[in-house]
């Protein structure tokens, strides 16, 4: 409200300030003998006097006074009264604009009600399509909408995230980041929202956004869910596709240089899955993650044993040190066999290692887990 107080104080002119006194001389008496008492000249003067008294310290009361004044007939007003009307209209318009933004902020960050917040945000953008701040707020919180199981709202929120990220990538920015704190936080959560929002339908594409989200120093970088999503995106995206292709081309056949090359590319993806699940397990130090941690650890063990001749030697050491290493990028496809033979070869060339059903991830539930905890939301910045 401080911004509103400042704006309205600046808007007031000396002429308007003088109106309560001048109006007594210039406001004509009503032509009709009968008039609604609330709109009589004395009543309107009282409303305007109350408005002036409260416009800085009690703007809600001032707004009520202004609305009552503006509700009176305007067909026979004097020049002085018209000046008051024009001024009150500006006040009311600005007050409603600011309170609308305040309500939007409350619904989005203070007392979350996402259906109402997105409805109000849509209303604001309809009137102000270039309002980048509102667009960003709708976009960075899009990942939280997934838990509502509202397909249309999730699609709408995802669209906001894409549009906001596109504008930031194009060089647009905000003067003040307020709730988010910085552009990096906004970019991280926009990527995260797009990644989680497309994980189920486009896992390979979602992977790029999830990896990008993990690059910034935000709570997402420390969240086990970020890495579970990344591992799940590898597993249900490029790994699933290449594994199926391997089975189709080489299932039941003897090894060939071509099959070994494809297996080497598969193993690169499995190594990224192992890294992702290891990071999820290593990050899940809070007891509230115990259930999800157990699921992630089961997937980690499955894939680690596949790559290490059914052994778990060194697995604990991997988990202990994985967070000290940079998150690896997506692997570059190999075009020739590496110097060493792939460590794991699918039995009878029937296909690459098969998960146990708990290593996959969906847009709403990474590897059997739940949505990111409250502490990972941008509104807690």
Protein backbone atom coordinates (compact mmCIF):
# COMPACT_ATOMS: atom_id res chain seq x y z
CA UNK A 1 0.00 0.00 0.00
CA UNK A 2 2.99 2.31 0.46
CA UNK A 3 3.26 2.65 -3.34
CA UNK A 4 -0.38 3.62 -3.58
CA UNK A 5 -0.04 6.25 -0.84
CA UNK A 6 2.94 7.78 -2.62
CA UNK A 7 1.19 7.82 -5.99
CA UNK A 8 -1.97 9.39 -4.70
CA UNK A 9 -0.11 12.01 -2.70
CA UNK A 10 1.75 13.11 -5.82
CA UNK A 11 -1.45 13.12 -7.87
CA UNK A 12 -3.14 15.66 -5.62
CA UNK A 13 -2.91 19.23 -6.85
CA UNK A 14 -3.22 22.48 -4.97
CA UNK A 15 -6.48 23.18 -6.79
CA UNK A 16 -8.00 19.92 -5.63
CA UNK A 17 -6.85 20.50 -2.07
CA UNK A 18 -8.69 23.79 -2.12
CA UNK A 19 -11.92 22.32 -3.39
CA UNK A 20 -13.62 21.65 -0.04
CA UNK A 21 -13.53 25.38 0.69
CA UNK A 22 -14.13 26.58 -2.86
CA UNK A 23 -16.95 24.14 -3.38
CA UNK A 24 -19.09 25.90 -0.77
CA UNK A 25 -19.09 28.98 -3.00
CA UNK A 26 -19.41 27.34 -6.42
CA UNK A 27 -21.60 24.29 -5.86
CA UNK A 28 -25.10 25.25 -6.89
CA UNK A 29 -28.20 24.27 -4.98
CA UNK A 30 -30.18 21.38 -6.50
CA UNK A 31 -32.85 22.32 -9.02
CA UNK A 32 -35.25 19.79 -7.67
CA UNK A 33 -36.76 20.01 -4.25
CA UNK A 34 -36.53 16.28 -3.66
CA UNK A 35 -33.14 14.57 -3.84
CA UNK A 36 -31.63 11.51 -2.28
CA UNK A 37 -30.22 12.67 1.05
CA UNK A 38 -26.99 10.74 0.44
CA UNK A 39 -26.37 12.82 -2.70
CA UNK A 40 -27.34 16.22 -1.34
CA UNK A 41 -24.60 18.83 -1.60
CA UNK A 42 -23.88 18.77 2.13
CA UNK A 43 -23.71 14.97 2.15
CA UNK A 44 -21.34 14.95 -0.84
CA UNK A 45 -19.16 17.61 0.79
CA UNK A 46 -19.01 15.48 3.91
CA UNK A 47 -18.02 12.43 1.85
CA UNK A 48 -15.28 14.38 0.10
CA UNK A 49 -14.01 15.80 3.39
CA UNK A 50 -13.88 12.27 4.83
CA UNK A 51 -12.10 11.07 1.71
CA UNK A 52 -9.41 13.75 2.05
CA UNK A 53 -8.97 12.92 5.71
CA UNK A 54 -8.47 9.18 5.09
CA UNK A 55 -6.79 8.95 1.69
CA UNK A 56 -3.30 8.54 3.18
CA UNK A 57 -3.86 6.68 6.44
CA UNK A 58 -7.02 4.67 5.77
CA UNK A 59 -7.33 4.23 2.04
CA UNK A 60 -9.96 1.51 2.31
CA UNK A 61 -12.26 4.05 4.01
CA UNK A 62 -11.29 6.72 1.50
CA UNK A 63 -12.14 4.29 -1.32
CA UNK A 64 -15.60 3.68 0.18
CA UNK A 65 -16.21 7.43 0.43
CA UNK A 66 -15.09 7.95 -3.16
CA UNK A 67 -17.35 5.17 -4.45
CA UNK A 68 -20.34 6.63 -2.62
CA UNK A 69 -19.61 10.07 -4.04
CA UNK A 70 -19.25 8.71 -7.57
CA UNK A 71 -22.54 6.83 -7.24
CA UNK A 72 -24.45 10.10 -7.15
CA UNK A 73 -26.05 11.52 -10.32
CA UNK A 74 -23.75 13.62 -12.50
CA UNK A 75 -26.22 15.26 -14.86
CA UNK A 76 -26.35 18.58 -12.97
CA UNK A 77 -22.95 19.00 -11.38
CA UNK A 78 -20.99 22.21 -11.22
CA UNK A 79 -17.51 22.72 -12.60
CA UNK A 80 -16.08 22.36 -9.09
CA UNK A 81 -17.98 19.13 -8.51
CA UNK A 82 -16.77 17.77 -11.86
CA UNK A 83 -13.17 18.36 -10.81
CA UNK A 84 -13.83 16.36 -7.65
CA UNK A 85 -15.45 13.59 -9.68
CA UNK A 86 -12.52 13.40 -12.10
CA UNK A 87 -10.06 13.20 -9.25
CA UNK A 88 -12.04 10.54 -7.39
CA UNK A 89 -12.27 8.43 -10.53
CA UNK A 90 -8.47 8.44 -10.81
CA UNK A 91 -8.14 7.52 -7.16
CA UNK A 92 -10.62 4.66 -7.45
CA UNK A 93 -8.98 3.29 -10.60
CA UNK A 94 -5.51 3.34 -9.05
CA UNK A 95 -6.74 1.91 -5.76
CA UNK A 96 -8.48 -0.98 -7.51
CA UNK A 97 -5.39 -1.64 -9.62
CA UNK A 98 -3.05 -1.74 -6.64
CA UNK A 99 -5.38 -3.78 -4.46
CA UNK A 100 -5.83 -6.25 -7.32
CA UNK A 101 -2.06 -6.75 -7.47
CA UNK A 102 -1.93 -7.05 -3.69
CA UNK A 103 -4.63 -9.70 -3.76
CA UNK A 104 -2.83 -11.55 -6.54
CA UNK A 105 0.38 -11.57 -4.50
CA UNK A 106 -1.47 -12.84 -1.44
CA UNK A 107 -3.17 -15.66 -3.37
CA UNK A 108 0.06 -16.67 -5.05
CA UNK A 109 2.56 -16.40 -2.20
CA UNK A 110 1.04 -15.61 1.20
CA UNK A 111 -2.14 -17.67 1.42
CA UNK A 112 -1.86 -19.82 -1.69
CA UNK A 113 -5.03 -20.49 -3.63
CA UNK A 114 -3.78 -21.30 -7.10
CA UNK A 115 -7.10 -21.50 -8.97
CA UNK A 116 -8.03 -18.03 -7.69
CA UNK A 117 -4.50 -16.68 -8.21
CA UNK A 118 -4.39 -17.85 -11.81
CA UNK A 119 -7.89 -16.53 -12.50
CA UNK A 120 -6.90 -13.10 -11.15
CA UNK A 121 -3.57 -13.20 -12.99
CA UNK A 122 -5.37 -13.96 -16.23
CA UNK A 123 -7.66 -11.00 -15.60
CA UNK A 124 -4.69 -8.71 -15.02
CA UNK A 125 -2.92 -9.89 -18.17
CA UNK A 126 -6.05 -9.36 -20.21
CA UNK A 127 -5.96 -5.69 -19.20
CA UNK A 128 -2.15 -5.47 -19.20
CA UNK A 129 -0.76 -8.04 -21.66
CA UNK A 130 2.77 -6.63 -21.31
CA UNK A 131 2.90 -7.07 -17.52
CA UNK A 132 6.03 -9.23 -17.32
CA UNK A 133 5.99 -9.47 -13.52
CA UNK A 134 2.58 -11.12 -13.40
CA UNK A 135 3.52 -13.42 -16.27
CA UNK A 136 6.67 -14.50 -14.43
CA UNK A 137 4.79 -15.05 -11.16
CA UNK A 138 2.32 -17.29 -12.98
CA UNK A 139 5.15 -19.12 -14.70
CA UNK A 140 7.47 -19.79 -11.77
CA UNK A 141 4.66 -21.28 -9.72
CA UNK A 142 3.36 -23.47 -12.53
CA UNK A 143 5.01 -26.61 -11.11
CA UNK A 144 2.87 -26.29 -7.98
CA UNK A 145 -0.33 -26.49 -10.01
CA UNK A 146 0.38 -30.08 -11.05
CA UNK A 147 -0.68 -31.42 -7.65
CA UNK A 148 -4.19 -30.01 -8.15
CA UNK A 149 -4.95 -32.58 -10.86
CA UNK A 150 -6.53 -29.85 -12.96
CA UNK A 151 -5.42 -30.54 -16.53
CA UNK A 152 -6.67 -27.29 -18.03
CA UNK A 153 -5.12 -25.15 -15.28
CA UNK A 154 -1.83 -27.07 -15.54
CA UNK A 155 -1.75 -26.47 -19.29
CA UNK A 156 -2.47 -22.78 -18.76
CA UNK A 157 0.24 -22.47 -16.12
CA UNK A 158 2.74 -24.28 -18.35
CA UNK A 159 1.97 -21.85 -21.16
CA UNK A 160 2.69 -18.91 -18.85
CA UNK A 161 6.03 -20.46 -17.89
CA UNK A 162 7.03 -20.87 -21.52
CA UNK A 163 6.03 -17.32 -22.43
CA UNK A 164 7.81 -15.83 -19.41
CA UNK A 165 11.02 -17.75 -20.09
CA UNK A 166 10.93 -16.74 -23.76
CA UNK A 167 10.68 -13.08 -22.79
CA UNK A 168 13.56 -13.33 -20.33
CA UNK A 169 15.67 -15.19 -22.89
CA UNK A 170 14.91 -12.38 -25.33
CA UNK A 171 16.47 -9.87 -22.95
CA UNK A 172 13.47 -8.49 -21.10
CA UNK A 173 13.77 -8.07 -17.35
CA UNK A 174 12.25 -6.50 -14.24
CA UNK A 175 13.56 -3.55 -12.27
CA UNK A 176 12.64 -5.25 -8.99
CA UNK A 177 12.39 -8.99 -8.45
CA UNK A 178 10.65 -8.75 -5.08
CA UNK A 179 9.48 -12.25 -4.10
CA UNK A 180 11.96 -14.05 -6.33
CA UNK A 181 15.03 -12.02 -5.47
CA UNK A 182 16.79 -12.22 -8.82
CA UNK A 183 16.48 -13.10 -12.48
CA UNK A 184 18.43 -16.32 -11.91
CA UNK A 185 15.81 -17.56 -9.45
CA UNK A 186 13.07 -16.78 -11.95
CA UNK A 187 14.90 -18.55 -14.79
CA UNK A 188 15.57 -21.59 -12.59
CA UNK A 189 11.94 -22.01 -11.54
CA UNK A 190 10.60 -21.32 -15.02
CA UNK A 191 12.81 -24.09 -16.39
CA UNK A 192 11.76 -26.33 -13.53
CA UNK A 193 8.08 -25.66 -14.16
CA UNK A 194 8.45 -26.44 -17.86
CA UNK A 195 10.51 -29.55 -17.11
CA UNK A 196 8.10 -31.01 -14.57
CA UNK A 197 5.11 -29.93 -16.63
CA UNK A 198 6.30 -31.84 -19.71
CA UNK A 199 8.07 -34.76 -18.03
CA UNK A 200 5.27 -37.22 -18.61
CA UNK A 201 4.49 -36.25 -22.20
CA UNK A 202 7.94 -35.21 -23.46
CA UNK A 203 10.60 -36.62 -21.10
CA UNK A 204 13.50 -36.10 -23.48
CA UNK A 205 12.61 -32.44 -23.92
CA UNK A 206 11.82 -32.00 -20.22
CA UNK A 207 15.30 -33.25 -19.38
CA UNK A 208 16.93 -30.16 -20.91
CA UNK A 209 14.84 -27.82 -18.78
CA UNK A 210 15.41 -29.81 -15.59
CA UNK A 211 19.18 -29.83 -16.06
CA UNK A 212 19.09 -26.07 -16.70
CA UNK A 213 17.03 -25.52 -13.53
CA UNK A 214 19.69 -27.28 -11.46
CA UNK A 215 22.46 -24.95 -12.62
CA UNK A 216 21.43 -21.97 -10.50
CA UNK A 217 22.04 -21.39 -6.80
CA UNK A 218 18.45 -21.81 -5.67
CA UNK A 219 16.67 -24.29 -3.39
CA UNK A 220 16.13 -26.42 -6.49
CA UNK A 221 19.82 -27.22 -6.57
CA UNK A 222 19.55 -28.79 -3.12
CA UNK A 223 16.22 -30.52 -3.59
CA UNK A 224 16.34 -34.32 -4.01
CA UNK A 225 13.28 -34.07 -6.24
CA UNK A 226 15.20 -32.12 -8.86
CA UNK A 227 17.61 -35.02 -9.33
CA UNK A 228 14.91 -37.68 -9.12
CA UNK A 229 13.11 -35.87 -11.93
CA UNK A 230 16.33 -35.73 -13.97
CA UNK A 231 16.98 -39.44 -13.47
CA UNK A 232 13.37 -40.23 -14.33
CA UNK A 233 13.54 -38.06 -17.45
CA UNK A 234 16.59 -40.00 -18.67
CA UNK A 235 14.89 -43.29 -17.87
CA UNK A 236 11.53 -42.66 -19.51
CA UNK A 237 12.97 -40.56 -22.34
CA UNK A 238 16.22 -41.26 -24.20
CA UNK A 239 17.00 -44.50 -22.34
CA UNK A 240 13.59 -46.05 -23.00
CA UNK A 241 13.75 -45.08 -26.67
CA UNK A 242 17.28 -46.36 -27.28
CA UNK A 243 16.71 -49.53 -25.26
CA UNK A 244 13.63 -50.39 -27.31
CA UNK A 245 15.57 -49.73 -30.50
CA UNK A 246 18.35 -52.02 -29.27
CA UNK A 247 15.93 -54.87 -28.59
CA UNK A 248 14.30 -54.45 -32.00
CA UNK A 249 17.57 -54.47 -33.92
CA UNK A 250 19.74 -56.84 -31.92
CA UNK A 251 17.52 -58.89 -29.64
CA UNK A 252 18.49 -62.58 -29.66
CA UNK A 253 21.45 -62.01 -31.99
CA UNK A 254 25.20 -62.27 -31.56
CA UNK A 255 27.13 -59.14 -30.70
CA UNK A 256 28.38 -56.97 -33.51
CA UNK A 257 30.36 -53.73 -33.57
CA UNK A 258 27.07 -51.93 -34.27
CA UNK A 259 25.29 -53.52 -31.30
CA UNK A 260 28.24 -52.75 -29.04
CA UNK A 261 28.18 -49.11 -30.13
CA UNK A 262 24.50 -48.79 -29.37
CA UNK A 263 25.05 -50.49 -26.02
CA UNK A 264 27.81 -48.02 -25.23
CA UNK A 265 25.40 -45.15 -25.88
CA UNK A 266 22.80 -46.85 -23.69
CA UNK A 267 25.35 -47.21 -20.91
CA UNK A 268 26.10 -43.50 -21.08
CA UNK A 269 22.43 -42.83 -20.34
CA UNK A 270 22.40 -45.38 -17.52
CA UNK A 271 25.41 -43.65 -15.98
CA UNK A 272 23.45 -40.37 -15.99
CA UNK A 273 20.50 -42.14 -14.36
CA UNK A 274 22.81 -43.53 -11.67
CA UNK A 275 24.21 -40.04 -11.09
CA UNK A 276 20.70 -38.56 -10.81
CA UNK A 277 19.41 -41.16 -8.37
CA UNK A 278 22.63 -40.93 -6.34
CA UNK A 279 22.13 -37.16 -6.04
CA UNK A 280 18.51 -37.65 -5.01
CA UNK A 281 19.54 -40.10 -2.29
CA UNK A 282 22.43 -37.92 -1.13
CA UNK A 283 20.20 -34.82 -0.96
CA UNK A 284 17.38 -36.55 0.92
CA UNK A 285 18.82 -35.95 4.38
CA UNK A 286 15.57 -34.70 5.92
CA UNK A 287 13.57 -37.49 7.63
CA UNK A 288 10.44 -36.38 5.78
CA UNK A 289 12.03 -37.73 2.59
CA UNK A 290 12.54 -41.20 4.08
CA UNK A 291 9.90 -42.94 1.99
CA UNK A 292 10.97 -41.38 -1.30
CA UNK A 293 14.62 -41.93 -0.44
CA UNK A 294 13.99 -45.65 -0.11
CA UNK A 295 12.42 -45.77 -3.58
CA UNK A 296 15.22 -43.73 -5.13
CA UNK A 297 17.84 -45.90 -3.45
CA UNK A 298 16.19 -49.04 -4.87
CA UNK A 299 16.36 -47.60 -8.39
CA UNK A 300 19.94 -46.49 -7.82
CA UNK A 301 20.95 -49.97 -6.67
CA UNK A 302 19.25 -51.63 -9.64
CA UNK A 303 21.04 -49.52 -12.21
CA UNK A 304 24.37 -49.52 -10.37
CA UNK A 305 24.37 -53.34 -10.25
CA UNK A 306 23.56 -53.44 -13.97
CA UNK A 307 26.65 -51.35 -14.73
CA UNK A 308 28.90 -53.14 -12.27
CA UNK A 309 28.44 -56.86 -12.88
CA UNK A 310 25.63 -57.19 -10.34
CA UNK A 311 27.84 -55.83 -7.54
CA UNK A 312 27.37 -52.82 -5.24
CA UNK A 313 31.02 -52.28 -4.38
CA UNK A 314 31.71 -48.54 -4.26
CA UNK A 315 28.04 -47.51 -4.24
CA UNK A 316 28.18 -45.92 -0.79
CA UNK A 317 31.27 -43.97 -1.75
CA UNK A 318 29.52 -42.77 -4.91
CA UNK A 319 26.58 -41.41 -2.92
CA UNK A 320 28.87 -39.80 -0.35
CA UNK A 321 30.80 -37.80 -2.93
CA UNK A 322 28.35 -37.21 -5.76
CA UNK A 323 27.15 -33.77 -4.64
CA UNK A 324 30.72 -32.44 -4.70
CA UNK A 325 30.83 -33.05 -8.44
CA UNK A 326 29.21 -30.90 -11.13
CA UNK A 327 25.95 -32.20 -12.55
CA UNK A 328 26.92 -33.88 -15.84
CA UNK A 329 25.31 -32.62 -19.05
CA UNK A 330 23.43 -34.86 -21.42
CA UNK A 331 25.90 -37.27 -23.00
CA UNK A 332 27.12 -36.70 -26.53
CA UNK A 333 26.16 -39.71 -28.68
CA UNK A 334 29.15 -41.92 -29.47
CA UNK A 335 29.94 -42.51 -33.14
CA UNK A 336 32.67 -45.08 -32.51
CA UNK A 337 33.35 -47.63 -29.82
CA UNK A 338 35.31 -46.41 -26.78
CA UNK A 339 38.66 -48.00 -26.01
CA UNK A 340 37.13 -50.34 -23.44
CA UNK A 341 34.20 -52.68 -23.93
CA UNK A 342 30.97 -51.57 -22.24
CA UNK A 343 30.88 -52.80 -18.65
CA UNK A 344 27.43 -54.30 -18.93
CA UNK A 345 25.97 -56.33 -21.74
CA UNK A 346 22.29 -57.32 -21.79
CA UNK A 347 21.85 -61.05 -21.36
CA UNK A 348 21.44 -62.75 -24.75
CA UNK A 349 21.31 -59.30 -26.31
CA UNK A 350 17.62 -59.18 -25.42
CA UNK A 351 17.81 -55.57 -24.39
CA UNK A 352 19.32 -53.19 -21.90
CA UNK A 353 18.72 -53.48 -18.17
CA UNK A 354 15.10 -53.35 -17.15
CA UNK A 355 14.03 -51.27 -14.18
CA UNK A 356 11.83 -52.63 -11.41
CA UNK A 357 8.99 -50.23 -12.00
CA UNK A 358 10.18 -47.78 -9.35
CA UNK A 359 12.84 -46.01 -11.34
CA UNK A 360 10.55 -44.10 -13.61
CA UNK A 361 9.17 -40.66 -12.94
CA UNK A 362 6.05 -38.83 -13.93
CA UNK A 363 5.40 -35.10 -14.07
CA UNK A 364 3.72 -35.18 -10.68
CA UNK A 365 5.61 -37.96 -8.89
CA UNK A 366 9.35 -38.51 -9.32
CA UNK A 367 10.12 -42.17 -8.77
CA UNK A 368 7.14 -42.69 -6.53
CA UNK A 369 7.73 -39.50 -4.54
CA UNK A 370 5.59 -36.45 -4.06
CA UNK A 371 5.76 -32.87 -5.25
CA UNK A 372 8.68 -30.70 -4.08
CA UNK A 373 8.40 -29.60 -0.49
CA UNK A 374 7.18 -26.15 0.50
CA UNK A 375 10.67 -24.95 1.28
CA UNK A 376 11.62 -25.34 -2.38
CA UNK A 377 8.98 -22.87 -3.59
CA UNK A 378 10.10 -19.47 -4.90
CA UNK A 379 7.68 -17.72 -2.60
CA UNK A 380 9.89 -18.67 0.33
CA UNK A 381 12.78 -16.74 -1.07
